[in-house]
Amino acid sequence: MSSVLSVLPFGKPLFPPRLLGYASRVDSEARRAQNEATFRTVNEELKGKAEELGLFGEQDTPYICECGDAGCAEVLTLTRAEYEHVRSHPKRFFVVPGHDGPGEHVVDQNETFSVVEKTGAGGRRVEEQDPRDGGSSGG
């Protein structure tokens, strides 16, 4: 079945359906990477506020899941050491276990959270947007 956008008025394909599928997968991967970078920036701001208030010690601090799902609002807790370990790698994010997605793989996991690493174009995108490396946190 062809998309309306992929067919000319006389029924001839404008773009092969496989290319349209590729484009939507790339767009989706880019969108997930952007969502993850946005959540990382929010968590960096949360960390900054916790430091200002003297709450960023060795106790657990709440953060937002950094998965690529823009609708996810799950909260997980990390110690300062755990948070800084994840942040030391610009392509890595912490997510609720099971929230890893395409274009990433789990590099570490415990009962509270998983650490995923972005690969490919998504990995390059989030690395460029790493707020700790002078990347633009916007888009």
N, C-alpha and C. Protein backbone atom coordinates (compact mmCIF):
# COMPACT_ATOMS: atom_id res chain seq x y z
N MET A 1 0.85 -1.19 0.00
CA MET A 1 0.00 0.00 0.00
C MET A 1 0.89 1.24 0.00
N SER A 2 0.60 2.18 -0.87
CA SER A 2 1.43 3.38 -1.02
C SER A 2 0.85 4.55 -0.25
N SER A 3 1.73 5.39 0.21
CA SER A 3 1.33 6.63 0.84
C SER A 3 0.85 7.59 -0.25
N VAL A 4 -0.10 8.46 0.10
CA VAL A 4 -0.59 9.46 -0.84
C VAL A 4 0.57 10.32 -1.32
N LEU A 5 1.52 10.61 -0.43
CA LEU A 5 2.65 11.45 -0.79
C LEU A 5 3.61 10.77 -1.76
N SER A 6 3.55 9.44 -1.84
CA SER A 6 4.52 8.75 -2.68
C SER A 6 4.03 8.47 -4.09
N VAL A 7 2.81 8.89 -4.44
CA VAL A 7 2.25 8.55 -5.75
C VAL A 7 1.85 9.82 -6.51
N LEU A 8 2.21 9.84 -7.78
CA LEU A 8 1.80 10.92 -8.66
C LEU A 8 0.34 10.69 -9.07
N PRO A 9 -0.33 11.70 -9.66
CA PRO A 9 -1.73 11.55 -10.05
C PRO A 9 -2.00 10.35 -10.95
N PHE A 10 -1.04 9.91 -11.74
CA PHE A 10 -1.26 8.80 -12.66
C PHE A 10 -0.84 7.46 -12.07
N GLY A 11 -0.62 7.41 -10.78
CA GLY A 11 -0.32 6.16 -10.11
C GLY A 11 1.13 5.73 -10.15
N LYS A 12 2.00 6.56 -10.67
CA LYS A 12 3.42 6.21 -10.71
C LYS A 12 4.09 6.68 -9.42
N PRO A 13 4.91 5.84 -8.83
CA PRO A 13 5.56 6.23 -7.57
C PRO A 13 6.46 7.45 -7.75
N LEU A 14 6.34 8.39 -6.85
CA LEU A 14 7.21 9.56 -6.81
C LEU A 14 8.53 9.18 -6.13
N PHE A 15 8.42 8.48 -5.02
CA PHE A 15 9.57 7.97 -4.29
C PHE A 15 9.31 6.50 -4.01
N PRO A 16 10.30 5.65 -4.13
CA PRO A 16 10.09 4.26 -3.75
C PRO A 16 9.69 4.18 -2.28
N PRO A 17 8.70 3.35 -1.92
CA PRO A 17 8.25 3.25 -0.54
C PRO A 17 9.38 2.95 0.44
N ARG A 18 10.40 2.20 0.02
CA ARG A 18 11.51 1.89 0.94
C ARG A 18 12.26 3.17 1.32
N LEU A 19 12.37 4.14 0.42
CA LEU A 19 13.02 5.40 0.76
C LEU A 19 12.19 6.22 1.73
N LEU A 20 10.88 6.18 1.56
CA LEU A 20 10.01 6.90 2.50
C LEU A 20 10.13 6.31 3.89
N GLY A 21 10.19 4.98 3.97
CA GLY A 21 10.37 4.32 5.27
C GLY A 21 11.68 4.70 5.90
N TYR A 22 12.74 4.77 5.10
CA TYR A 22 14.05 5.16 5.60
C TYR A 22 14.01 6.58 6.14
N ALA A 23 13.38 7.48 5.40
CA ALA A 23 13.30 8.88 5.82
C ALA A 23 12.56 9.00 7.15
N SER A 24 11.45 8.28 7.31
CA SER A 24 10.71 8.39 8.57
C SER A 24 11.50 7.79 9.72
N ARG A 25 12.29 6.72 9.45
CA ARG A 25 13.10 6.12 10.51
C ARG A 25 14.20 7.09 10.93
N VAL A 26 14.82 7.76 9.95
CA VAL A 26 15.86 8.74 10.26
C VAL A 26 15.26 9.91 11.04
N ASP A 27 14.10 10.42 10.59
CA ASP A 27 13.43 11.51 11.30
C ASP A 27 13.11 11.10 12.73
N SER A 28 12.62 9.88 12.89
CA SER A 28 12.26 9.38 14.21
C SER A 28 13.49 9.26 15.09
N GLU A 29 14.59 8.77 14.53
CA GLU A 29 15.83 8.64 15.29
C GLU A 29 16.36 10.01 15.70
N ALA A 30 16.28 10.98 14.79
CA ALA A 30 16.72 12.34 15.11
C ALA A 30 15.85 12.95 16.19
N ARG A 31 14.54 12.69 16.12
CA ARG A 31 13.61 13.22 17.12
C ARG A 31 13.91 12.61 18.49
N ARG A 32 14.17 11.29 18.54
CA ARG A 32 14.51 10.64 19.81
C ARG A 32 15.80 11.23 20.38
N ALA A 33 16.80 11.42 19.52
CA ALA A 33 18.06 11.99 19.99
C ALA A 33 17.85 13.40 20.54
N GLN A 34 17.02 14.19 19.87
CA GLN A 34 16.73 15.54 20.34
C GLN A 34 16.01 15.50 21.69
N ASN A 35 15.05 14.59 21.84
CA ASN A 35 14.34 14.44 23.11
C ASN A 35 15.31 14.08 24.23
N GLU A 36 16.21 13.15 23.96
CA GLU A 36 17.17 12.74 24.98
C GLU A 36 18.09 13.89 25.36
N ALA A 37 18.55 14.64 24.38
CA ALA A 37 19.41 15.79 24.66
C ALA A 37 18.66 16.84 25.49
N THR A 38 17.38 17.01 25.20
CA THR A 38 16.56 17.97 25.96
C THR A 38 16.42 17.53 27.41
N PHE A 39 16.12 16.24 27.63
CA PHE A 39 15.99 15.73 29.00
C PHE A 39 17.32 15.85 29.75
N ARG A 40 18.42 15.62 29.05
CA ARG A 40 19.74 15.75 29.68
C ARG A 40 19.96 17.19 30.14
N THR A 41 19.58 18.16 29.32
CA THR A 41 19.73 19.57 29.68
C THR A 41 18.87 19.92 30.89
N VAL A 42 17.65 19.41 30.92
CA VAL A 42 16.76 19.64 32.08
C VAL A 42 17.40 19.05 33.33
N ASN A 43 17.95 17.85 33.23
CA ASN A 43 18.58 17.23 34.40
C ASN A 43 19.83 17.98 34.84
N GLU A 44 20.56 18.55 33.91
CA GLU A 44 21.71 19.38 34.28
C GLU A 44 21.23 20.59 35.08
N GLU A 45 20.10 21.17 34.68
CA GLU A 45 19.53 22.30 35.42
C GLU A 45 19.06 21.87 36.81
N LEU A 46 18.45 20.68 36.90
CA LEU A 46 18.03 20.15 38.21
C LEU A 46 19.25 19.96 39.11
N LYS A 47 20.32 19.42 38.55
CA LYS A 47 21.55 19.21 39.32
C LYS A 47 22.08 20.55 39.83
N GLY A 48 22.07 21.57 38.97
CA GLY A 48 22.54 22.89 39.37
C GLY A 48 21.72 23.46 40.52
N LYS A 49 20.40 23.30 40.45
CA LYS A 49 19.54 23.79 41.54
C LYS A 49 19.80 23.00 42.82
N ALA A 50 19.97 21.69 42.70
CA ALA A 50 20.26 20.87 43.88
C ALA A 50 21.57 21.31 44.53
N GLU A 51 22.57 21.64 43.71
CA GLU A 51 23.84 22.13 44.25
C GLU A 51 23.66 23.46 44.96
N GLU A 52 22.89 24.37 44.36
CA GLU A 52 22.62 25.68 44.97
C GLU A 52 21.98 25.52 46.34
N LEU A 53 21.09 24.54 46.46
CA LEU A 53 20.38 24.31 47.71
C LEU A 53 21.13 23.39 48.67
N GLY A 54 22.31 22.95 48.27
CA GLY A 54 23.11 22.06 49.11
C GLY A 54 22.54 20.65 49.20
N LEU A 55 21.78 20.23 48.18
CA LEU A 55 21.14 18.92 48.20
C LEU A 55 21.85 17.89 47.34
N PHE A 56 22.88 18.29 46.63
CA PHE A 56 23.56 17.39 45.71
C PHE A 56 24.77 16.79 46.40
N GLY A 57 24.52 15.83 47.28
CA GLY A 57 25.59 15.15 48.00
C GLY A 57 25.63 13.70 47.59
N GLU A 58 25.86 12.83 48.54
CA GLU A 58 25.91 11.40 48.23
C GLU A 58 24.53 10.75 48.33
N GLN A 59 23.54 11.48 48.80
CA GLN A 59 22.19 10.92 48.84
C GLN A 59 21.60 10.89 47.43
N ASP A 60 20.58 10.07 47.25
CA ASP A 60 19.93 10.00 45.95
C ASP A 60 19.23 11.31 45.62
N THR A 61 19.33 11.72 44.37
CA THR A 61 18.68 12.92 43.87
C THR A 61 17.76 12.52 42.73
N PRO A 62 16.53 13.05 42.69
CA PRO A 62 15.62 12.67 41.60
C PRO A 62 15.94 13.37 40.29
N TYR A 63 15.78 12.60 39.20
CA TYR A 63 15.97 13.11 37.84
C TYR A 63 14.88 12.55 36.95
N ILE A 64 14.72 13.16 35.79
CA ILE A 64 13.74 12.72 34.80
C ILE A 64 14.41 11.69 33.90
N CYS A 65 13.69 10.62 33.57
CA CYS A 65 14.17 9.61 32.64
C CYS A 65 14.59 10.31 31.34
N GLU A 66 15.75 9.95 30.81
CA GLU A 66 16.29 10.59 29.62
C GLU A 66 16.04 9.78 28.35
N CYS A 67 14.99 8.98 28.34
CA CYS A 67 14.69 8.20 27.14
C CYS A 67 14.19 9.11 26.02
N GLY A 68 14.08 8.57 24.84
CA GLY A 68 13.68 9.35 23.68
C GLY A 68 12.20 9.62 23.56
N ASP A 69 11.39 9.09 24.47
CA ASP A 69 9.94 9.28 24.43
C ASP A 69 9.60 10.65 25.04
N ALA A 70 9.16 11.57 24.22
CA ALA A 70 8.85 12.93 24.70
C ALA A 70 7.76 12.93 25.76
N GLY A 71 6.92 11.91 25.80
CA GLY A 71 5.84 11.85 26.78
C GLY A 71 6.23 11.20 28.09
N CYS A 72 7.44 10.69 28.21
CA CYS A 72 7.87 10.02 29.44
C CYS A 72 8.16 11.05 30.51
N ALA A 73 7.61 10.84 31.69
CA ALA A 73 7.86 11.75 32.81
C ALA A 73 8.25 10.95 34.05
N GLU A 74 8.79 9.74 33.83
CA GLU A 74 9.17 8.91 34.97
C GLU A 74 10.39 9.49 35.66
N VAL A 75 10.40 9.37 36.97
CA VAL A 75 11.47 9.91 37.78
C VAL A 75 12.30 8.75 38.32
N LEU A 76 13.61 8.91 38.25
CA LEU A 76 14.49 7.94 38.88
C LEU A 76 15.51 8.68 39.71
N THR A 77 16.16 7.97 40.61
CA THR A 77 17.10 8.62 41.50
C THR A 77 18.50 8.06 41.29
N LEU A 78 19.47 8.97 41.37
CA LEU A 78 20.87 8.60 41.23
C LEU A 78 21.66 9.32 42.31
N THR A 79 22.77 8.71 42.74
CA THR A 79 23.70 9.41 43.62
C THR A 79 24.52 10.37 42.77
N ARG A 80 25.24 11.23 43.42
CA ARG A 80 26.10 12.17 42.70
C ARG A 80 27.13 11.41 41.86
N ALA A 81 27.74 10.38 42.44
CA ALA A 81 28.75 9.60 41.72
C ALA A 81 28.15 8.92 40.49
N GLU A 82 26.96 8.36 40.62
CA GLU A 82 26.30 7.72 39.48
C GLU A 82 26.00 8.74 38.38
N TYR A 83 25.46 9.88 38.79
CA TYR A 83 25.13 10.93 37.82
C TYR A 83 26.37 11.39 37.06
N GLU A 84 27.44 11.67 37.80
CA GLU A 84 28.67 12.17 37.17
C GLU A 84 29.31 11.11 36.27
N HIS A 85 29.19 9.84 36.65
CA HIS A 85 29.74 8.77 35.81
C HIS A 85 29.03 8.74 34.46
N VAL A 86 27.71 8.84 34.46
CA VAL A 86 26.96 8.85 33.19
C VAL A 86 27.33 10.11 32.39
N ARG A 87 27.38 11.26 33.05
CA ARG A 87 27.66 12.52 32.38
C ARG A 87 29.08 12.60 31.81
N SER A 88 29.98 11.74 32.28
CA SER A 88 31.36 11.78 31.76
C SER A 88 31.46 11.26 30.34
N HIS A 89 30.38 10.69 29.81
CA HIS A 89 30.31 10.20 28.43
C HIS A 89 29.19 10.95 27.71
N PRO A 90 29.52 11.80 26.73
CA PRO A 90 28.49 12.64 26.09
C PRO A 90 27.41 11.88 25.31
N LYS A 91 27.65 10.62 24.97
CA LYS A 91 26.65 9.85 24.23
C LYS A 91 25.80 8.97 25.15
N ARG A 92 25.98 9.10 26.46
CA ARG A 92 25.28 8.22 27.39
C ARG A 92 24.18 8.96 28.15
N PHE A 93 23.13 8.18 28.44
CA PHE A 93 21.95 8.69 29.13
C PHE A 93 21.48 7.66 30.14
N PHE A 94 20.81 8.12 31.20
CA PHE A 94 20.19 7.17 32.12
C PHE A 94 18.70 7.14 31.87
N VAL A 95 18.16 5.93 31.86
CA VAL A 95 16.75 5.71 31.55
C VAL A 95 16.17 4.66 32.49
N VAL A 96 14.86 4.66 32.61
CA VAL A 96 14.17 3.59 33.33
C VAL A 96 14.47 2.29 32.60
N PRO A 97 14.76 1.20 33.30
CA PRO A 97 15.02 -0.07 32.61
C PRO A 97 13.90 -0.39 31.62
N GLY A 98 14.30 -0.76 30.40
CA GLY A 98 13.33 -1.06 29.35
C GLY A 98 13.00 0.12 28.46
N HIS A 99 13.50 1.31 28.79
CA HIS A 99 13.21 2.50 27.98
C HIS A 99 14.28 2.75 26.92
N ASP A 100 15.19 1.81 26.72
CA ASP A 100 16.17 1.97 25.64
C ASP A 100 15.44 1.82 24.31
N GLY A 101 15.97 2.47 23.30
CA GLY A 101 15.30 2.48 22.01
C GLY A 101 16.25 2.18 20.87
N PRO A 102 15.75 2.32 19.65
CA PRO A 102 16.60 2.07 18.49
C PRO A 102 17.76 3.05 18.42
N GLY A 103 18.89 2.58 17.93
CA GLY A 103 20.06 3.45 17.79
C GLY A 103 20.81 3.63 19.10
N GLU A 104 20.59 2.75 20.06
CA GLU A 104 21.32 2.83 21.32
C GLU A 104 21.42 1.42 21.92
N HIS A 105 22.38 1.25 22.80
CA HIS A 105 22.50 -0.04 23.47
C HIS A 105 22.78 0.20 24.96
N VAL A 106 22.36 -0.75 25.77
CA VAL A 106 22.54 -0.67 27.22
C VAL A 106 23.99 -1.02 27.54
N VAL A 107 24.68 -0.11 28.24
CA VAL A 107 26.07 -0.35 28.61
C VAL A 107 26.22 -0.67 30.09
N ASP A 108 25.19 -0.37 30.88
CA ASP A 108 25.21 -0.67 32.31
C ASP A 108 23.77 -0.67 32.80
N GLN A 109 23.50 -1.43 33.85
CA GLN A 109 22.14 -1.47 34.38
C GLN A 109 22.19 -1.92 35.84
N ASN A 110 21.31 -1.35 36.63
CA ASN A 110 21.09 -1.82 38.00
C ASN A 110 19.59 -1.89 38.22
N GLU A 111 19.15 -2.09 39.44
CA GLU A 111 17.71 -2.23 39.69
C GLU A 111 16.94 -0.92 39.52
N THR A 112 17.62 0.21 39.53
CA THR A 112 16.97 1.51 39.46
C THR A 112 16.96 2.11 38.06
N PHE A 113 18.07 1.98 37.32
CA PHE A 113 18.16 2.62 36.02
C PHE A 113 19.11 1.86 35.10
N SER A 114 18.96 2.13 33.81
CA SER A 114 19.88 1.62 32.79
C SER A 114 20.67 2.80 32.23
N VAL A 115 21.88 2.53 31.80
CA VAL A 115 22.68 3.52 31.10
C VAL A 115 22.74 3.07 29.65
N VAL A 116 22.30 3.95 28.73
CA VAL A 116 22.31 3.63 27.31
C VAL A 116 23.29 4.56 26.60
N GLU A 117 23.85 4.05 25.52
CA GLU A 117 24.75 4.86 24.70
C GLU A 117 24.18 4.97 23.30
N LYS A 118 24.05 6.20 22.83
CA LYS A 118 23.57 6.45 21.47
C LYS A 118 24.67 6.08 20.47
N THR A 119 24.25 5.55 19.32
CA THR A 119 25.18 5.18 18.27
C THR A 119 24.80 5.90 16.98
N GLY A 120 25.63 5.81 15.98
CA GLY A 120 25.33 6.35 14.66
C GLY A 120 25.09 7.85 14.66
N ALA A 121 24.19 8.28 13.78
CA ALA A 121 23.88 9.71 13.62
C ALA A 121 23.31 10.30 14.91
N GLY A 122 22.48 9.52 15.61
CA GLY A 122 21.91 10.00 16.87
C GLY A 122 23.00 10.25 17.91
N GLY A 123 24.01 9.38 17.93
CA GLY A 123 25.13 9.56 18.85
C GLY A 123 25.93 10.81 18.55
N ARG A 124 26.14 11.05 17.27
CA ARG A 124 26.86 12.28 16.88
C ARG A 124 26.05 13.53 17.26
N ARG A 125 24.75 13.45 17.06
CA ARG A 125 23.88 14.59 17.36
C ARG A 125 23.91 14.94 18.85
N VAL A 126 23.75 13.93 19.72
CA VAL A 126 23.73 14.22 21.15
C VAL A 126 25.11 14.64 21.66
N GLU A 127 26.16 14.11 21.03
CA GLU A 127 27.51 14.52 21.43
C GLU A 127 27.73 16.00 21.11
N GLU A 128 27.23 16.45 19.96
CA GLU A 128 27.34 17.86 19.59
C GLU A 128 26.55 18.76 20.53
N GLN A 129 25.48 18.22 21.11
CA GLN A 129 24.62 19.02 21.98
C GLN A 129 24.93 18.85 23.47
N ASP A 130 26.03 18.21 23.78
CA ASP A 130 26.40 17.99 25.17
C ASP A 130 26.68 19.32 25.87
N PRO A 131 25.85 19.70 26.86
CA PRO A 131 26.05 20.99 27.51
C PRO A 131 27.38 21.10 28.26
N ARG A 132 28.01 19.99 28.58
CA ARG A 132 29.28 20.03 29.29
C ARG A 132 30.47 20.17 28.36
N ASP A 133 30.22 20.06 27.07
CA ASP A 133 31.32 20.12 26.11
C ASP A 133 31.20 21.36 25.23
N GLY A 134 30.45 22.33 25.67
CA GLY A 134 30.30 23.57 24.91
C GLY A 134 29.36 23.43 23.74
N GLY A 135 28.67 22.27 23.62
CA GLY A 135 27.70 22.10 22.53
C GLY A 135 26.50 22.97 22.77
N SER A 136 25.74 23.20 21.73
CA SER A 136 24.51 23.98 21.90
C SER A 136 23.46 23.08 22.50
N SER A 137 22.82 23.49 23.57
CA SER A 137 21.81 22.66 24.20
C SER A 137 20.46 22.89 23.57
N GLY A 138 20.36 23.74 22.62
CA GLY A 138 19.10 24.04 21.95
C GLY A 138 18.87 23.18 20.76
N GLY A 139 19.14 23.41 19.60
CA GLY A 139 18.90 22.48 18.53
C GLY A 139 19.36 22.98 17.29
